[in-house]
N, C-alpha and C. Protein backbone atom coordinates (compact mmCIF):
# COMPACT_ATOMS: atom_id res chain seq x y z
N MET A 1 -3.09 145.56 -120.33
CA MET A 1 -3.56 144.39 -119.67
C MET A 1 -4.70 143.25 -121.09
N LEU A 2 -3.64 142.19 -120.53
CA LEU A 2 -4.30 141.19 -120.73
C LEU A 2 -6.14 140.93 -120.69
N PRO A 3 -7.04 140.41 -122.04
CA PRO A 3 -8.59 139.79 -121.76
C PRO A 3 -8.52 139.28 -120.25
N HIS A 4 -9.33 139.16 -119.46
CA HIS A 4 -9.27 137.55 -118.30
C HIS A 4 -9.71 136.75 -119.32
N THR A 5 -10.31 136.69 -120.58
CA THR A 5 -10.08 134.77 -121.29
C THR A 5 -9.38 134.35 -120.72
N VAL A 6 -7.32 135.25 -121.25
CA VAL A 6 -6.55 134.45 -120.70
C VAL A 6 -6.32 134.41 -119.27
N LEU A 7 -5.95 133.28 -119.68
CA LEU A 7 -5.51 132.58 -117.74
C LEU A 7 -4.40 132.06 -118.09
N ARG A 8 -3.80 131.36 -118.58
CA ARG A 8 -2.39 130.53 -119.13
C ARG A 8 -1.25 131.92 -118.82
N ARG A 9 -0.53 132.99 -117.70
CA ARG A 9 0.35 133.68 -117.89
C ARG A 9 1.96 132.90 -117.09
N VAL A 10 2.80 133.63 -117.52
CA VAL A 10 3.68 133.54 -117.20
C VAL A 10 4.74 134.66 -116.69
N ALA A 11 5.26 135.13 -115.84
CA ALA A 11 5.82 136.69 -115.21
C ALA A 11 6.53 136.13 -115.57
N VAL A 12 7.94 137.01 -115.18
CA VAL A 12 9.29 137.32 -114.94
C VAL A 12 9.29 138.29 -114.10
N GLU A 13 10.19 138.52 -112.99
CA GLU A 13 10.31 139.12 -112.02
C GLU A 13 11.34 138.60 -111.23
N ALA A 14 12.73 139.98 -111.58
CA ALA A 14 13.95 139.43 -110.86
C ALA A 14 13.54 140.54 -109.74
N GLY A 15 13.32 139.89 -108.73
CA GLY A 15 12.63 140.78 -107.87
C GLY A 15 11.46 139.73 -106.83
N VAL A 16 10.26 140.20 -105.99
CA VAL A 16 10.00 139.28 -105.29
C VAL A 16 8.60 139.20 -105.81
N ARG A 17 8.08 138.10 -105.85
CA ARG A 17 6.87 138.15 -106.64
C ARG A 17 5.76 137.77 -106.55
N ASP A 18 5.28 138.58 -104.92
CA ASP A 18 4.04 138.85 -104.88
C ASP A 18 3.06 140.06 -104.99
N GLY A 19 3.33 141.02 -105.89
CA GLY A 19 2.79 142.25 -106.48
C GLY A 19 2.63 141.20 -108.23
N TRP A 20 3.01 139.84 -108.34
CA TRP A 20 2.42 139.34 -109.74
C TRP A 20 1.81 139.07 -109.68
N TRP A 21 1.11 138.36 -108.78
CA TRP A 21 -0.04 136.78 -108.92
C TRP A 21 -1.52 137.70 -109.11
N LYS A 22 -1.47 138.69 -108.46
CA LYS A 22 -3.00 139.77 -109.82
C LYS A 22 -2.88 139.80 -110.95
N TYR A 23 -1.77 139.74 -111.52
CA TYR A 23 -1.86 139.59 -112.74
C TYR A 23 -1.80 138.16 -113.72
N VAL A 24 -0.66 137.34 -112.92
CA VAL A 24 -1.00 135.73 -113.57
C VAL A 24 -2.18 135.03 -112.67
N GLY A 25 -2.91 135.63 -112.44
CA GLY A 25 -3.54 134.49 -111.26
C GLY A 25 -3.94 133.40 -111.58
N LEU A 26 -4.45 132.08 -110.65
CA LEU A 26 -4.11 131.09 -109.63
C LEU A 26 -4.04 129.57 -110.95
N GLU A 27 -3.65 130.06 -112.22
CA GLU A 27 -3.49 128.98 -113.09
C GLU A 27 -2.08 129.89 -113.95
N GLY A 28 -1.35 131.01 -113.84
CA GLY A 28 -0.22 131.37 -113.33
C GLY A 28 1.13 130.88 -113.02
N GLN A 29 2.10 131.27 -114.13
CA GLN A 29 3.53 130.90 -112.74
C GLN A 29 4.31 131.62 -112.79
N ILE A 30 5.07 132.59 -111.91
CA ILE A 30 6.12 133.26 -111.84
C ILE A 30 7.41 133.00 -111.19
N LEU A 31 8.15 132.92 -112.43
CA LEU A 31 9.73 133.25 -111.88
C LEU A 31 10.13 134.14 -110.98
N GLY A 32 10.58 134.30 -109.94
CA GLY A 32 10.98 135.03 -109.00
C GLY A 32 12.39 135.21 -107.93
N ILE A 33 12.19 135.88 -107.03
CA ILE A 33 13.44 136.07 -105.89
C ILE A 33 12.21 136.39 -104.51
N ASP A 34 11.93 136.11 -104.05
CA ASP A 34 11.55 136.11 -102.94
C ASP A 34 12.09 136.31 -101.29
N HIS A 35 13.44 136.78 -101.86
CA HIS A 35 14.27 137.06 -100.52
C HIS A 35 16.44 138.21 -101.13
N PHE A 36 15.77 138.33 -100.39
CA PHE A 36 17.08 139.03 -100.54
C PHE A 36 18.62 138.97 -100.08
N GLY A 37 19.84 139.51 -100.53
CA GLY A 37 21.20 139.86 -100.10
C GLY A 37 22.07 138.85 -101.51
N ALA A 38 21.62 138.52 -102.14
CA ALA A 38 22.68 137.97 -102.94
C ALA A 38 23.37 139.07 -104.14
N SER A 39 24.46 138.92 -103.78
CA SER A 39 25.68 139.57 -104.15
C SER A 39 26.72 139.45 -105.44
N ALA A 40 26.30 139.22 -106.33
CA ALA A 40 27.26 138.87 -107.78
C ALA A 40 27.00 139.65 -108.75
N PRO A 41 27.45 139.33 -110.06
CA PRO A 41 27.34 139.86 -111.23
C PRO A 41 25.35 139.46 -111.80
N ALA A 42 25.18 140.03 -112.67
CA ALA A 42 23.63 139.84 -113.03
C ALA A 42 23.86 138.39 -113.43
N LYS A 43 24.69 138.06 -114.44
CA LYS A 43 24.59 137.31 -115.38
C LYS A 43 24.87 135.27 -113.99
N ASP A 44 25.60 135.58 -112.96
CA ASP A 44 25.72 135.01 -112.33
C ASP A 44 24.19 134.65 -111.53
N LEU A 45 23.95 135.52 -110.94
CA LEU A 45 22.81 135.38 -109.85
C LEU A 45 21.54 135.31 -111.10
N PHE A 46 21.76 135.82 -112.14
CA PHE A 46 20.11 135.15 -112.91
C PHE A 46 20.66 133.25 -112.97
N GLN A 47 21.71 132.67 -113.30
CA GLN A 47 21.56 131.39 -113.46
C GLN A 47 21.75 130.49 -112.51
N GLN A 48 22.19 131.72 -111.24
CA GLN A 48 21.59 130.61 -109.91
C GLN A 48 20.60 130.64 -109.62
N PHE A 49 19.23 131.93 -109.87
CA PHE A 49 17.99 131.71 -109.41
C PHE A 49 17.55 131.28 -110.56
N GLY A 50 17.58 131.27 -111.50
CA GLY A 50 16.66 130.84 -112.51
C GLY A 50 16.43 131.73 -114.11
N PHE A 51 16.41 132.41 -114.15
CA PHE A 51 15.80 133.13 -114.66
C PHE A 51 17.02 132.65 -116.68
N MET A 52 16.94 131.91 -116.80
CA MET A 52 16.95 131.16 -118.23
C MET A 52 16.23 131.09 -119.09
N PRO A 53 16.63 131.05 -120.20
CA PRO A 53 15.55 131.15 -121.14
C PRO A 53 14.78 130.17 -120.82
N ASP A 54 16.12 128.52 -120.32
CA ASP A 54 15.39 127.29 -120.55
C ASP A 54 14.10 126.80 -119.63
N LYS A 55 14.28 127.93 -118.19
CA LYS A 55 13.85 127.86 -117.20
C LYS A 55 12.05 128.56 -117.74
N VAL A 56 12.03 129.66 -118.31
CA VAL A 56 11.28 130.47 -118.17
C VAL A 56 10.63 129.29 -119.53
N VAL A 57 11.08 129.05 -120.21
CA VAL A 57 10.00 127.86 -121.62
C VAL A 57 9.80 126.75 -120.41
N GLU A 58 10.45 125.87 -119.54
CA GLU A 58 9.93 124.84 -118.34
C GLU A 58 8.61 125.92 -117.73
N ALA A 59 8.75 127.45 -117.02
CA ALA A 59 7.37 127.69 -116.85
C ALA A 59 6.39 127.47 -117.66
N ILE A 60 6.71 127.97 -119.15
CA ILE A 60 5.55 127.62 -119.96
C ILE A 60 4.99 126.89 -119.96
N ASP A 61 5.50 125.44 -120.47
CA ASP A 61 5.13 124.51 -120.83
C ASP A 61 4.15 124.21 -119.31
N ARG A 62 4.66 124.42 -118.44
CA ARG A 62 4.11 123.73 -117.23
C ARG A 62 2.47 125.06 -117.00
N VAL A 63 2.56 126.06 -117.29
CA VAL A 63 1.14 126.83 -117.33
C VAL A 63 0.78 125.60 -119.02
N LEU A 64 0.81 125.53 -119.59
CA LEU A 64 -0.09 124.61 -120.81
C LEU A 64 0.03 123.61 -120.33
N GLY A 65 0.38 123.01 -119.69
CA GLY A 65 0.46 121.95 -119.54
C GLY A 65 1.55 120.63 -120.16
N ASN A 66 2.05 121.10 -120.50
CA ASN A 66 3.23 119.68 -121.63
C ASN A 66 4.04 119.36 -120.87
């Protein structure tokens, strides 16, 4: 677990985001999907829903205030 002094956190969850807020806090970001029903190869779904390295970097930049 990260120390409480680490406030800038990013979580990536290829599922529902709800459970991650307690880990990232109010200053964090979560990349996740809050709905069900999509069906396709994982690489296609990850592209469609933003689970790509550039989107993770964007989330990190937002958290760091860049």
